[in-house]
């Protein structure tokens, strides 16, 4: 499982990651939780790269990390 911590564009990030094989599970405040297959740390890094690759992604303050 990974968590993406961000305050803005949450709906866009959920849609983007779900299109790329991540499964959205829950939202707690600014935390978005996703189930992933494989190594969670690698998937968190890939999620960050996907978000930053979007036209709106470079302007966002966020982090993505693996959780247990």
C-alpha atoms as a PDB file:
ATOM      1  CA  UNK A   1       0.000   0.000   0.000  1.00  0.00           C
ATOM      2  CA  UNK A   2       1.126   3.555  -0.689  1.00  0.00           C
ATOM      3  CA  UNK A   3      -0.067   6.927   0.554  1.00  0.00           C
ATOM      4  CA  UNK A   4      -0.028  10.185  -1.394  1.00  0.00           C
ATOM      5  CA  UNK A   5      -0.155  13.241   0.864  1.00  0.00           C
ATOM      6  CA  UNK A   6      -1.568  16.258  -0.962  1.00  0.00           C
ATOM      7  CA  UNK A   7      -4.166  18.948  -0.430  1.00  0.00           C
ATOM      8  CA  UNK A   8      -5.022  19.961  -4.012  1.00  0.00           C
ATOM      9  CA  UNK A   9      -6.061  18.075  -7.168  1.00  0.00           C
ATOM     10  CA  UNK A  10      -6.941  14.945  -5.193  1.00  0.00           C
ATOM     11  CA  UNK A  11      -9.642  13.839  -7.644  1.00  0.00           C
ATOM     12  CA  UNK A  12      -7.258  14.245 -10.573  1.00  0.00           C
ATOM     13  CA  UNK A  13      -4.561  12.217  -8.817  1.00  0.00           C
ATOM     14  CA  UNK A  14      -7.001   9.430  -7.922  1.00  0.00           C
ATOM     15  CA  UNK A  15      -8.135   9.222 -11.559  1.00  0.00           C
ATOM     16  CA  UNK A  16      -4.550   9.319 -12.872  1.00  0.00           C
ATOM     17  CA  UNK A  17      -3.281   6.582 -10.592  1.00  0.00           C
ATOM     18  CA  UNK A  18      -6.316   4.348 -11.117  1.00  0.00           C
ATOM     19  CA  UNK A  19      -5.718   4.592 -14.891  1.00  0.00           C
ATOM     20  CA  UNK A  20      -2.199   3.314 -14.235  1.00  0.00           C
ATOM     21  CA  UNK A  21      -2.988   0.222 -12.152  1.00  0.00           C
ATOM     22  CA  UNK A  22      -3.278   1.634  -8.630  1.00  0.00           C
ATOM     23  CA  UNK A  23      -6.422   0.864  -6.604  1.00  0.00           C
ATOM     24  CA  UNK A  24      -7.772   3.744  -4.525  1.00  0.00           C
ATOM     25  CA  UNK A  25      -8.894   2.499  -1.102  1.00  0.00           C
ATOM     26  CA  UNK A  26      -9.562   5.486   1.142  1.00  0.00           C
ATOM     27  CA  UNK A  27      -9.076   9.169   1.858  1.00  0.00           C
ATOM     28  CA  UNK A  28      -8.199  10.520   5.310  1.00  0.00           C
ATOM     29  CA  UNK A  29      -7.831  14.297   5.236  1.00  0.00           C
ATOM     30  CA  UNK A  30      -4.984  15.019   2.837  1.00  0.00           C
ATOM     31  CA  UNK A  31      -3.910  11.360   2.690  1.00  0.00           C
ATOM     32  CA  UNK A  32      -4.914   9.215  -0.292  1.00  0.00           C
ATOM     33  CA  UNK A  33      -4.330   5.478   0.139  1.00  0.00           C
ATOM     34  CA  UNK A  34      -3.795   3.096  -2.779  1.00  0.00           C
ATOM     35  CA  UNK A  35      -3.312  -0.674  -2.958  1.00  0.00           C
ATOM     36  CA  UNK A  36      -0.499  -1.733  -5.288  1.00  0.00           C
ATOM     37  CA  UNK A  37       0.926  -4.952  -6.684  1.00  0.00           C
ATOM     38  CA  UNK A  38       4.633  -5.550  -6.167  1.00  0.00           C
ATOM     39  CA  UNK A  39       7.154  -3.433  -4.288  1.00  0.00           C
ATOM     40  CA  UNK A  40       5.350  -0.541  -2.585  1.00  0.00           C
ATOM     41  CA  UNK A  41       8.456   1.667  -2.447  1.00  0.00           C
ATOM     42  CA  UNK A  42       8.941   1.367  -6.215  1.00  0.00           C
ATOM     43  CA  UNK A  43       5.246   2.015  -6.820  1.00  0.00           C
ATOM     44  CA  UNK A  44       5.366   5.128  -4.616  1.00  0.00           C
ATOM     45  CA  UNK A  45       8.295   6.456  -6.653  1.00  0.00           C
ATOM     46  CA  UNK A  46       6.464   5.686  -9.903  1.00  0.00           C
ATOM     47  CA  UNK A  47       3.313   7.435  -8.624  1.00  0.00           C
ATOM     48  CA  UNK A  48       5.329  10.556  -7.836  1.00  0.00           C
ATOM     49  CA  UNK A  49       6.824  10.513 -11.340  1.00  0.00           C
ATOM     50  CA  UNK A  50       3.364  10.070 -12.912  1.00  0.00           C
ATOM     51  CA  UNK A  51       1.970  13.028 -10.980  1.00  0.00           C
ATOM     52  CA  UNK A  52       4.937  15.281 -11.761  1.00  0.00           C
ATOM     53  CA  UNK A  53       4.644  14.402 -15.472  1.00  0.00           C
ATOM     54  CA  UNK A  54       1.189  15.998 -15.660  1.00  0.00           C
ATOM     55  CA  UNK A  55       0.898  19.637 -16.781  1.00  0.00           C
ATOM     56  CA  UNK A  56      -0.458  20.544 -13.336  1.00  0.00           C
ATOM     57  CA  UNK A  57       1.819  18.191 -11.394  1.00  0.00           C
ATOM     58  CA  UNK A  58       4.957  20.297 -11.181  1.00  0.00           C
ATOM     59  CA  UNK A  59       3.114  23.018  -9.263  1.00  0.00           C
ATOM     60  CA  UNK A  60       1.837  20.695  -6.526  1.00  0.00           C
ATOM     61  CA  UNK A  61       3.399  20.146  -3.115  1.00  0.00           C
ATOM     62  CA  UNK A  62       3.008  16.450  -2.243  1.00  0.00           C
ATOM     63  CA  UNK A  63       4.807  13.278  -1.337  1.00  0.00           C
ATOM     64  CA  UNK A  64       4.199   9.599  -2.009  1.00  0.00           C
ATOM     65  CA  UNK A  65       5.485   6.838   0.245  1.00  0.00           C
ATOM     66  CA  UNK A  66       5.037   3.172   1.038  1.00  0.00           C
ATOM     67  CA  UNK A  67       3.007   2.278   4.125  1.00  0.00           C
ATOM     68  CA  UNK A  68       2.460  -1.010   5.941  1.00  0.00           C
END
